[in-house]
Amino acid sequence: MKKILSIVAALMLTCASSFASEQIPLSVNYDDSSSVIPGTGKGPTVPSLWQEGYELTFLSSHDDYTLELRQGGVVVYSTFVSSTTNTVILPSTLQGQYEIRLYGDESYYLTGYISLGQ
């Protein structure tokens, strides 16, 4: 009986921790609208990006990015994210709502919103 309770408790903790993380919806933006070719169906691949506290996790393959956090249009944090990196730990000194931007090549960036320390 103790073994069953231990297994149930472990499963509940696993489920609870998975609910703590949430996916960051990302949208594609183009710096230069002339780089968009209508009807080609080609565009950047949007990775699956999840947040749990100050940890960002890429659950799918992704390009090299420059990650920026912006508040009020001002860049407050920036770092390079290699295509071989799955996890990024953000500084715990950051507090509040941020726009997150992932810059790929020169023509596009991905954008979303995150909350830290709340």
N, C-alpha and C. Protein backbone atom coordinates (compact mmCIF):
# COMPACT_ATOMS: atom_id res chain seq x y z
N MET A 1 0.81 -1.19 0.00
CA MET A 1 0.00 0.00 0.00
C MET A 1 0.87 1.27 0.00
N LYS A 2 1.95 1.25 0.81
CA LYS A 2 2.85 2.40 0.84
C LYS A 2 3.47 2.64 -0.52
N LYS A 3 3.78 1.54 -1.21
CA LYS A 3 4.39 1.66 -2.54
C LYS A 3 3.42 2.35 -3.51
N ILE A 4 2.17 1.97 -3.46
CA ILE A 4 1.16 2.58 -4.34
C ILE A 4 1.01 4.06 -4.02
N LEU A 5 0.95 4.40 -2.73
CA LEU A 5 0.83 5.81 -2.34
C LEU A 5 2.04 6.61 -2.80
N SER A 6 3.22 6.02 -2.71
CA SER A 6 4.44 6.70 -3.18
C SER A 6 4.38 6.96 -4.67
N ILE A 7 3.89 5.99 -5.42
CA ILE A 7 3.79 6.15 -6.88
C ILE A 7 2.77 7.23 -7.21
N VAL A 8 1.63 7.20 -6.53
CA VAL A 8 0.60 8.22 -6.77
C VAL A 8 1.12 9.61 -6.43
N ALA A 9 1.83 9.74 -5.32
CA ALA A 9 2.39 11.04 -4.92
C ALA A 9 3.40 11.53 -5.95
N ALA A 10 4.24 10.62 -6.44
CA ALA A 10 5.23 11.00 -7.46
C ALA A 10 4.55 11.46 -8.74
N LEU A 11 3.49 10.77 -9.14
CA LEU A 11 2.76 11.17 -10.35
C LEU A 11 2.09 12.53 -10.17
N MET A 12 1.55 12.79 -8.98
CA MET A 12 0.91 14.08 -8.72
C MET A 12 1.93 15.20 -8.77
N LEU A 13 3.11 14.99 -8.23
CA LEU A 13 4.16 16.02 -8.28
C LEU A 13 4.59 16.27 -9.71
N THR A 14 4.72 15.21 -10.50
CA THR A 14 5.10 15.36 -11.90
C THR A 14 4.05 16.16 -12.66
N CYS A 15 2.78 15.84 -12.44
CA CYS A 15 1.70 16.56 -13.11
C CYS A 15 1.66 18.02 -12.67
N ALA A 16 1.85 18.27 -11.39
CA ALA A 16 1.82 19.64 -10.87
C ALA A 16 2.94 20.47 -11.48
N SER A 17 4.13 19.88 -11.62
CA SER A 17 5.24 20.65 -12.18
C SER A 17 5.02 20.92 -13.66
N SER A 18 4.33 20.01 -14.37
CA SER A 18 4.10 20.24 -15.79
C SER A 18 3.08 21.36 -15.99
N PHE A 19 2.16 21.56 -15.02
CA PHE A 19 1.20 22.65 -15.14
C PHE A 19 1.85 24.00 -14.84
N ALA A 20 2.98 24.00 -14.13
CA ALA A 20 3.65 25.25 -13.78
C ALA A 20 4.27 25.91 -15.01
N SER A 21 4.62 25.13 -16.01
CA SER A 21 5.21 25.73 -17.20
C SER A 21 4.10 26.01 -18.21
N GLU A 22 4.33 27.04 -18.99
CA GLU A 22 3.35 27.37 -20.02
C GLU A 22 4.05 27.75 -21.31
N GLN A 23 3.36 27.47 -22.40
CA GLN A 23 3.92 27.78 -23.70
C GLN A 23 3.82 29.27 -23.98
N ILE A 24 4.86 29.80 -24.60
CA ILE A 24 4.87 31.20 -25.00
C ILE A 24 4.46 31.26 -26.47
N PRO A 25 3.27 31.79 -26.77
CA PRO A 25 2.87 31.92 -28.17
C PRO A 25 3.77 32.93 -28.87
N LEU A 26 4.34 32.53 -29.98
CA LEU A 26 5.24 33.39 -30.75
C LEU A 26 4.63 33.70 -32.11
N SER A 27 4.79 34.93 -32.55
CA SER A 27 4.35 35.31 -33.89
C SER A 27 5.54 35.81 -34.69
N VAL A 28 5.44 35.70 -36.00
CA VAL A 28 6.52 36.10 -36.91
C VAL A 28 6.29 37.54 -37.34
N ASN A 29 7.35 38.34 -37.27
CA ASN A 29 7.33 39.72 -37.74
C ASN A 29 8.50 39.90 -38.71
N TYR A 30 8.29 40.74 -39.70
CA TYR A 30 9.33 40.98 -40.70
C TYR A 30 9.84 42.41 -40.58
N ASP A 31 11.18 42.54 -40.50
CA ASP A 31 11.79 43.86 -40.48
C ASP A 31 11.65 44.55 -41.82
N ASP A 32 11.67 43.76 -42.87
CA ASP A 32 11.63 44.28 -44.23
C ASP A 32 10.52 43.56 -44.97
N SER A 33 9.39 44.23 -45.16
CA SER A 33 8.25 43.57 -45.79
C SER A 33 8.54 43.14 -47.23
N SER A 34 9.57 43.68 -47.84
CA SER A 34 9.91 43.26 -49.21
C SER A 34 10.49 41.86 -49.24
N SER A 35 10.90 41.33 -48.06
CA SER A 35 11.44 39.97 -48.02
C SER A 35 10.34 38.92 -48.00
N VAL A 36 9.08 39.36 -47.83
CA VAL A 36 7.95 38.45 -47.83
C VAL A 36 7.48 38.27 -49.27
N ILE A 37 7.45 37.02 -49.72
CA ILE A 37 7.02 36.74 -51.08
C ILE A 37 5.65 36.07 -50.99
N PRO A 38 4.60 36.80 -51.34
CA PRO A 38 3.25 36.24 -51.22
C PRO A 38 3.09 34.95 -52.01
N GLY A 39 2.38 34.01 -51.42
CA GLY A 39 2.06 32.77 -52.12
C GLY A 39 3.14 31.71 -52.13
N THR A 40 4.32 32.01 -51.56
CA THR A 40 5.37 31.00 -51.58
C THR A 40 5.17 29.96 -50.49
N GLY A 41 4.46 30.32 -49.42
CA GLY A 41 4.24 29.40 -48.32
C GLY A 41 5.48 29.15 -47.49
N LYS A 42 6.54 29.87 -47.79
CA LYS A 42 7.78 29.69 -47.04
C LYS A 42 7.93 30.81 -46.02
N GLY A 43 8.34 30.43 -44.85
CA GLY A 43 8.58 31.39 -43.79
C GLY A 43 9.42 30.71 -42.73
N PRO A 44 9.80 31.44 -41.73
CA PRO A 44 10.61 30.83 -40.68
C PRO A 44 9.80 29.81 -39.88
N THR A 45 10.49 28.81 -39.40
CA THR A 45 9.87 27.82 -38.52
C THR A 45 9.78 28.42 -37.12
N VAL A 46 8.60 28.35 -36.54
CA VAL A 46 8.40 28.89 -35.20
C VAL A 46 8.60 27.76 -34.19
N PRO A 47 9.60 27.89 -33.31
CA PRO A 47 9.86 26.81 -32.35
C PRO A 47 8.83 26.78 -31.23
N SER A 48 8.76 25.65 -30.56
CA SER A 48 7.92 25.51 -29.38
C SER A 48 8.74 25.99 -28.18
N LEU A 49 8.35 27.12 -27.59
CA LEU A 49 9.08 27.73 -26.48
C LEU A 49 8.21 27.75 -25.23
N TRP A 50 8.74 27.22 -24.12
CA TRP A 50 8.00 27.11 -22.87
C TRP A 50 8.72 27.86 -21.77
N GLN A 51 7.96 28.39 -20.82
CA GLN A 51 8.52 29.12 -19.69
C GLN A 51 8.10 28.46 -18.39
N GLU A 52 9.06 28.27 -17.50
CA GLU A 52 8.78 27.86 -16.13
C GLU A 52 9.64 28.73 -15.23
N GLY A 53 9.02 29.74 -14.62
CA GLY A 53 9.77 30.69 -13.81
C GLY A 53 10.73 31.48 -14.70
N TYR A 54 12.01 31.40 -14.36
CA TYR A 54 13.04 32.12 -15.12
C TYR A 54 13.72 31.24 -16.17
N GLU A 55 13.18 30.06 -16.38
CA GLU A 55 13.77 29.12 -17.34
C GLU A 55 12.92 29.05 -18.60
N LEU A 56 13.56 29.28 -19.74
CA LEU A 56 12.91 29.12 -21.04
C LEU A 56 13.44 27.84 -21.67
N THR A 57 12.54 27.03 -22.23
CA THR A 57 12.94 25.76 -22.82
C THR A 57 12.41 25.64 -24.24
N PHE A 58 13.29 25.34 -25.17
CA PHE A 58 12.90 25.06 -26.54
C PHE A 58 12.60 23.56 -26.63
N LEU A 59 11.36 23.20 -26.98
CA LEU A 59 10.99 21.79 -27.08
C LEU A 59 11.08 21.28 -28.51
N SER A 60 11.54 22.11 -29.40
CA SER A 60 11.71 21.69 -30.79
C SER A 60 13.02 22.30 -31.31
N SER A 61 13.46 21.80 -32.45
CA SER A 61 14.68 22.36 -33.02
C SER A 61 14.43 23.82 -33.39
N HIS A 62 15.52 24.59 -33.40
CA HIS A 62 15.38 26.02 -33.68
C HIS A 62 16.67 26.55 -34.28
N ASP A 63 16.57 27.72 -34.87
CA ASP A 63 17.72 28.41 -35.45
C ASP A 63 18.54 29.07 -34.33
N ASP A 64 19.68 29.63 -34.71
CA ASP A 64 20.41 30.52 -33.81
C ASP A 64 19.58 31.79 -33.68
N TYR A 65 19.48 32.31 -32.46
CA TYR A 65 18.72 33.53 -32.22
C TYR A 65 19.50 34.48 -31.33
N THR A 66 19.19 35.76 -31.48
CA THR A 66 19.52 36.74 -30.46
C THR A 66 18.23 36.97 -29.70
N LEU A 67 18.23 36.68 -28.41
CA LEU A 67 17.04 36.84 -27.57
C LEU A 67 17.11 38.20 -26.90
N GLU A 68 16.03 38.94 -26.99
CA GLU A 68 15.92 40.23 -26.32
C GLU A 68 14.66 40.25 -25.46
N LEU A 69 14.77 40.85 -24.29
CA LEU A 69 13.60 41.17 -23.47
C LEU A 69 13.46 42.68 -23.49
N ARG A 70 12.24 43.15 -23.80
CA ARG A 70 11.98 44.58 -23.91
C ARG A 70 10.87 44.97 -22.94
N GLN A 71 11.04 46.14 -22.37
CA GLN A 71 10.02 46.70 -21.49
C GLN A 71 9.85 48.16 -21.89
N GLY A 72 8.65 48.51 -22.30
CA GLY A 72 8.41 49.88 -22.76
C GLY A 72 9.22 50.23 -24.00
N GLY A 73 9.49 49.24 -24.85
CA GLY A 73 10.25 49.45 -26.07
C GLY A 73 11.75 49.51 -25.87
N VAL A 74 12.21 49.38 -24.63
CA VAL A 74 13.64 49.45 -24.31
C VAL A 74 14.17 48.04 -24.06
N VAL A 75 15.31 47.71 -24.67
CA VAL A 75 15.94 46.41 -24.46
C VAL A 75 16.57 46.41 -23.06
N VAL A 76 16.09 45.49 -22.20
CA VAL A 76 16.62 45.40 -20.84
C VAL A 76 17.51 44.17 -20.64
N TYR A 77 17.45 43.23 -21.59
CA TYR A 77 18.29 42.03 -21.51
C TYR A 77 18.44 41.47 -22.92
N SER A 78 19.65 40.99 -23.22
CA SER A 78 19.92 40.40 -24.53
C SER A 78 20.96 39.30 -24.38
N THR A 79 20.79 38.21 -25.12
CA THR A 79 21.76 37.12 -25.10
C THR A 79 21.66 36.34 -26.40
N PHE A 80 22.73 35.65 -26.76
CA PHE A 80 22.74 34.79 -27.94
C PHE A 80 22.27 33.40 -27.54
N VAL A 81 21.41 32.80 -28.35
CA VAL A 81 20.92 31.44 -28.12
C VAL A 81 21.32 30.59 -29.31
N SER A 82 22.23 29.66 -29.10
CA SER A 82 22.70 28.76 -30.16
C SER A 82 21.62 27.75 -30.52
N SER A 83 21.64 27.27 -31.74
CA SER A 83 20.67 26.25 -32.17
C SER A 83 20.84 24.94 -31.40
N THR A 84 21.97 24.77 -30.73
CA THR A 84 22.20 23.56 -29.93
C THR A 84 21.78 23.73 -28.47
N THR A 85 21.30 24.92 -28.12
CA THR A 85 20.87 25.21 -26.75
C THR A 85 19.38 24.93 -26.61
N ASN A 86 19.01 24.16 -25.60
CA ASN A 86 17.59 23.88 -25.35
C ASN A 86 17.01 24.72 -24.22
N THR A 87 17.88 25.21 -23.31
CA THR A 87 17.41 25.92 -22.13
C THR A 87 18.15 27.24 -21.96
N VAL A 88 17.41 28.28 -21.61
CA VAL A 88 17.98 29.59 -21.31
C VAL A 88 17.48 29.98 -19.92
N ILE A 89 18.41 30.32 -19.03
CA ILE A 89 18.06 30.78 -17.70
C ILE A 89 18.17 32.31 -17.69
N LEU A 90 17.06 32.97 -17.40
CA LEU A 90 17.03 34.43 -17.36
C LEU A 90 17.44 34.91 -15.97
N PRO A 91 18.02 36.11 -15.87
CA PRO A 91 18.43 36.64 -14.56
C PRO A 91 17.24 36.82 -13.62
N SER A 92 17.41 36.40 -12.38
CA SER A 92 16.32 36.49 -11.40
C SER A 92 16.06 37.93 -10.95
N THR A 93 16.90 38.85 -11.38
CA THR A 93 16.69 40.26 -11.06
C THR A 93 15.61 40.91 -11.92
N LEU A 94 15.22 40.24 -12.99
CA LEU A 94 14.18 40.77 -13.88
C LEU A 94 12.81 40.52 -13.25
N GLN A 95 11.99 41.55 -13.22
CA GLN A 95 10.65 41.48 -12.63
C GLN A 95 9.67 42.19 -13.55
N GLY A 96 8.51 41.60 -13.77
CA GLY A 96 7.46 42.28 -14.52
C GLY A 96 7.12 41.63 -15.84
N GLN A 97 6.44 42.39 -16.68
CA GLN A 97 5.99 41.95 -18.00
C GLN A 97 7.02 42.36 -19.04
N TYR A 98 7.32 41.45 -19.97
CA TYR A 98 8.30 41.73 -21.01
C TYR A 98 7.82 41.24 -22.36
N GLU A 99 8.20 41.98 -23.39
CA GLU A 99 8.08 41.46 -24.75
C GLU A 99 9.36 40.68 -25.00
N ILE A 100 9.23 39.45 -25.49
CA ILE A 100 10.40 38.65 -25.83
C ILE A 100 10.51 38.66 -27.35
N ARG A 101 11.72 38.92 -27.83
CA ARG A 101 11.98 38.88 -29.27
C ARG A 101 13.13 37.91 -29.53
N LEU A 102 12.94 37.07 -30.54
CA LEU A 102 13.98 36.16 -31.00
C LEU A 102 14.31 36.55 -32.43
N TYR A 103 15.50 37.11 -32.60
CA TYR A 103 15.93 37.55 -33.94
C TYR A 103 16.66 36.41 -34.63
N GLY A 104 16.15 36.01 -35.79
CA GLY A 104 16.79 34.97 -36.58
C GLY A 104 17.79 35.61 -37.52
N ASP A 105 17.48 35.58 -38.80
CA ASP A 105 18.35 36.27 -39.74
C ASP A 105 17.95 37.74 -39.80
N GLU A 106 18.43 38.46 -40.77
CA GLU A 106 18.19 39.91 -40.82
C GLU A 106 16.77 40.28 -41.22
N SER A 107 15.98 39.34 -41.73
CA SER A 107 14.69 39.72 -42.28
C SER A 107 13.50 39.51 -41.34
N TYR A 108 13.66 38.72 -40.27
CA TYR A 108 12.50 38.44 -39.42
C TYR A 108 12.89 38.32 -37.95
N TYR A 109 11.86 38.40 -37.10
CA TYR A 109 12.02 38.08 -35.69
C TYR A 109 10.71 37.49 -35.18
N LEU A 110 10.80 36.73 -34.11
CA LEU A 110 9.65 36.14 -33.45
C LEU A 110 9.38 36.94 -32.19
N THR A 111 8.12 37.14 -31.86
CA THR A 111 7.79 37.93 -30.69
C THR A 111 6.68 37.28 -29.87
N GLY A 112 6.74 37.49 -28.57
CA GLY A 112 5.74 37.00 -27.64
C GLY A 112 5.85 37.80 -26.35
N TYR A 113 5.14 37.37 -25.32
CA TYR A 113 5.12 38.10 -24.05
C TYR A 113 5.28 37.13 -22.88
N ILE A 114 6.06 37.55 -21.87
CA ILE A 114 6.27 36.73 -20.69
C ILE A 114 6.17 37.60 -19.44
N SER A 115 5.90 36.94 -18.32
CA SER A 115 5.90 37.58 -17.00
C SER A 115 6.97 36.92 -16.15
N LEU A 116 7.72 37.72 -15.42
CA LEU A 116 8.77 37.19 -14.56
C LEU A 116 8.59 37.69 -13.14
N GLY A 117 8.80 36.81 -12.17
CA GLY A 117 8.79 37.18 -10.77
C GLY A 117 7.43 37.54 -10.22
N GLN A 118 6.38 37.05 -10.83
CA GLN A 118 5.03 37.39 -10.35
C GLN A 118 4.24 36.16 -10.03
